[in-house]
Amino acid sequence: MLTHLTADGTAQMVDVSAKEITHREARAEATIRMSSEAFAALKEGNLKKGDALGVARVAGIMAAKRTHDLIPLCHPLPISTVAIDCQLVEAANTVRIEAFVKVAGQTGVEMEALTAASIAALTIYDMCKAIDKGIVIENVRLLEKRGGKSGDWSC
C-alpha cells in the first residue's frame, strides 16, 4: 500500500510522530546541457544576469528549505545542512549539479535533495536563456540516501 493514500484512495500526509529521530542524508543530481556559446559565457562569468553558478547554489539551498511548500504532503524538516556543487564539464557543454542535504529527523530528505538540484538547474537555465533557448535539463535523480527505517540506498 502506498503510504500517502488511505484505504479508499484519499491523499494523506504520513504520520511520522512514532518514528525515531535519526540522522538522514541524501544526494541528488541534475545535468544542464547548453550551447557552447552559453557555456562559455557561464564559465567566464559574462552573463547579463550575473554569477549564475553562485545564484544557483543559493537557489538550491533555499529550495531544499522550502520543499514542504512546493511538494504536497512533504513534512517541514529541520535541515542541518544543504550543499550544492556545480561542476562544469566543458567537453559536453554541461553543468553537473549535485545537492547534498542532511537532517536529524523522523523522515528522509530525498525530496529536499531532488528539489535543490532541480531548482539550481532551473536557475542556471533562467540566467542563460537569453543566449540559448534550447538548454536542456536532464538526469534529475537520487544518487543515494542514508539512514531511516529503509536503510541506505545508492544507485
Protein backbone atom coordinates (compact mmCIF):
# COMPACT_ATOMS: atom_id res chain seq x y z
CA MET A 1 0.00 0.00 0.00
CA LEU A 2 1.22 3.49 -0.78
CA THR A 3 1.87 5.46 2.42
CA HIS A 4 0.35 8.70 1.11
CA LEU A 5 -3.05 7.11 0.37
CA THR A 6 -5.77 5.90 2.71
CA ALA A 7 -7.53 2.57 2.08
CA ASP A 8 -10.16 4.37 -0.03
CA GLY A 9 -7.52 6.21 -2.12
CA THR A 10 -7.66 9.61 -0.40
CA ALA A 11 -4.38 11.51 -0.22
CA GLN A 12 -2.95 11.90 3.27
CA MET A 13 0.18 13.15 4.99
CA VAL A 14 2.04 10.25 6.62
CA ASP A 15 2.06 10.37 10.42
CA VAL A 16 5.74 10.19 11.43
CA SER A 17 5.20 11.03 15.12
CA ALA A 18 6.02 7.49 16.29
CA LYS A 19 9.21 7.29 14.23
CA GLU A 20 12.57 7.64 15.94
CA ILE A 21 14.64 10.75 15.21
CA THR A 22 17.70 9.57 13.28
CA HIS A 23 20.41 11.13 11.14
CA ARG A 24 19.44 11.06 7.49
CA GLU A 25 21.05 12.39 4.35
CA ALA A 26 20.52 12.32 0.61
CA ARG A 27 22.42 13.27 -2.54
CA ALA A 28 20.76 14.07 -5.87
CA GLU A 29 21.93 15.40 -9.20
CA ALA A 30 20.73 17.24 -12.26
CA THR A 31 22.55 17.97 -15.50
CA ILE A 32 22.03 21.03 -17.66
CA ARG A 33 23.22 20.97 -21.27
CA MET A 34 23.62 24.10 -23.38
CA SER A 35 25.26 25.55 -26.47
CA SER A 36 28.99 26.22 -26.50
CA GLU A 37 28.24 29.97 -26.59
CA ALA A 38 26.09 29.85 -23.46
CA PHE A 39 28.55 27.54 -21.72
CA ALA A 40 31.46 29.90 -22.45
CA ALA A 41 29.53 32.89 -21.08
CA LEU A 42 28.60 30.91 -17.97
CA LYS A 43 32.17 29.73 -17.45
CA GLU A 44 33.67 33.20 -17.99
CA GLY A 45 31.05 34.91 -15.83
CA ASN A 46 29.85 37.08 -18.73
CA LEU A 47 26.10 36.66 -18.26
CA LYS A 48 23.96 39.80 -18.15
CA LYS A 49 22.15 38.48 -15.07
CA GLY A 50 25.39 37.90 -13.13
CA ASP A 51 27.05 34.91 -11.45
CA ALA A 52 24.74 32.06 -12.43
CA LEU A 53 26.61 29.37 -10.51
CA GLY A 54 26.64 31.39 -7.29
CA VAL A 55 22.98 32.28 -7.61
CA ALA A 56 22.14 28.63 -8.45
CA ARG A 57 23.85 27.47 -5.24
CA VAL A 58 21.79 29.89 -3.15
CA ALA A 59 18.58 28.97 -5.03
CA GLY A 60 19.22 25.26 -4.42
CA ILE A 61 19.76 25.84 -0.71
CA MET A 62 16.60 27.94 -0.46
CA ALA A 63 14.61 25.33 -2.40
CA ALA A 64 15.67 22.49 -0.09
CA LYS A 65 14.50 24.51 2.90
CA ARG A 66 11.12 25.20 1.23
CA THR A 67 10.39 21.77 -0.24
CA HIS A 68 7.39 21.28 2.05
CA ASP A 69 5.86 24.43 0.49
CA LEU A 70 6.34 23.06 -3.03
CA ILE A 71 5.62 19.33 -2.84
CA PRO A 72 2.22 18.34 -1.40
CA LEU A 73 2.33 16.11 1.68
CA CYS A 74 6.04 16.69 2.40
CA HIS A 75 6.89 17.37 6.02
CA PRO A 76 8.71 20.56 7.03
CA LEU A 77 12.12 19.43 8.26
CA PRO A 78 14.79 20.97 10.49
CA ILE A 79 17.51 20.70 7.84
CA SER A 80 21.04 20.64 9.26
CA THR A 81 22.90 21.40 6.05
CA VAL A 82 22.48 21.81 2.31
CA ALA A 83 25.43 21.85 -0.07
CA ILE A 84 25.23 22.50 -3.81
CA ASP A 85 28.20 21.66 -6.03
CA CYS A 86 28.26 22.74 -9.68
CA GLN A 87 30.82 21.01 -11.89
CA LEU A 88 31.48 22.41 -15.36
CA VAL A 89 32.02 19.67 -17.98
CA GLU A 90 33.49 21.60 -20.87
CA ALA A 91 33.76 18.68 -23.28
CA ALA A 92 29.96 18.28 -23.21
CA ASN A 93 28.92 21.92 -22.53
CA THR A 94 27.15 20.74 -19.40
CA VAL A 95 26.93 21.59 -15.74
CA ARG A 96 26.51 18.70 -13.33
CA ILE A 97 24.75 19.86 -10.20
CA GLU A 98 24.95 17.77 -7.05
CA ALA A 99 22.86 18.55 -3.99
CA PHE A 100 23.55 17.13 -0.53
CA VAL A 101 21.03 17.50 2.30
CA LYS A 102 21.29 16.34 5.91
CA VAL A 103 18.79 16.26 8.80
CA ALA A 104 18.21 14.71 12.20
CA GLY A 105 14.54 13.88 11.87
CA GLN A 106 11.71 11.40 11.55
CA THR A 107 11.60 11.30 7.76
CA GLY A 108 14.12 11.39 4.93
CA VAL A 109 15.45 14.25 2.84
CA GLU A 110 15.34 12.71 -0.63
CA MET A 111 12.73 15.19 -1.86
CA GLU A 112 14.75 18.09 -0.47
CA ALA A 113 17.88 16.95 -2.33
CA LEU A 114 15.95 16.43 -5.57
CA THR A 115 14.25 19.81 -5.23
CA ALA A 116 17.57 21.54 -4.54
CA ALA A 117 19.23 20.02 -7.63
CA SER A 118 16.20 20.82 -9.80
CA ILE A 119 15.89 24.45 -8.72
CA ALA A 120 19.64 25.03 -9.07
CA ALA A 121 19.35 23.74 -12.66
CA LEU A 122 16.30 25.91 -13.36
CA THR A 123 18.20 28.93 -12.04
CA ILE A 124 21.09 28.31 -14.43
CA TYR A 125 18.56 27.88 -17.24
CA ASP A 126 16.92 31.20 -16.36
CA MET A 127 20.22 33.05 -16.26
CA CYS A 128 21.49 31.58 -19.56
CA LYS A 129 18.28 31.51 -21.64
CA ALA A 130 18.98 34.87 -23.30
CA ILE A 131 21.90 33.20 -25.09
CA ASP A 132 20.41 29.74 -25.67
CA LYS A 133 16.69 28.93 -25.73
CA GLY A 134 17.45 25.24 -26.34
CA ILE A 135 19.01 24.49 -22.95
CA VAL A 136 18.11 21.02 -21.67
CA ILE A 137 17.78 19.95 -18.05
CA GLU A 138 18.17 16.18 -17.76
CA ASN A 139 19.03 13.27 -15.50
CA VAL A 140 17.43 14.62 -12.33
CA ARG A 141 17.82 11.68 -9.98
CA LEU A 142 18.54 10.50 -6.48
CA LEU A 143 22.13 9.27 -6.13
CA GLU A 144 21.97 7.97 -2.58
CA LYS A 145 20.15 8.16 0.73
CA ARG A 146 21.34 7.17 4.16
CA GLY A 147 19.52 6.48 7.40
CA GLY A 148 15.94 5.83 8.35
CA LYS A 149 13.88 2.67 8.60
CA SER A 150 14.54 1.60 5.00
CA GLY A 151 18.31 1.95 5.46
CA ASP A 152 20.89 3.05 2.94
CA TRP A 153 20.42 3.10 -0.82
CA SER A 154 22.59 4.19 -3.74
CA CYS A 155 22.29 3.94 -7.49
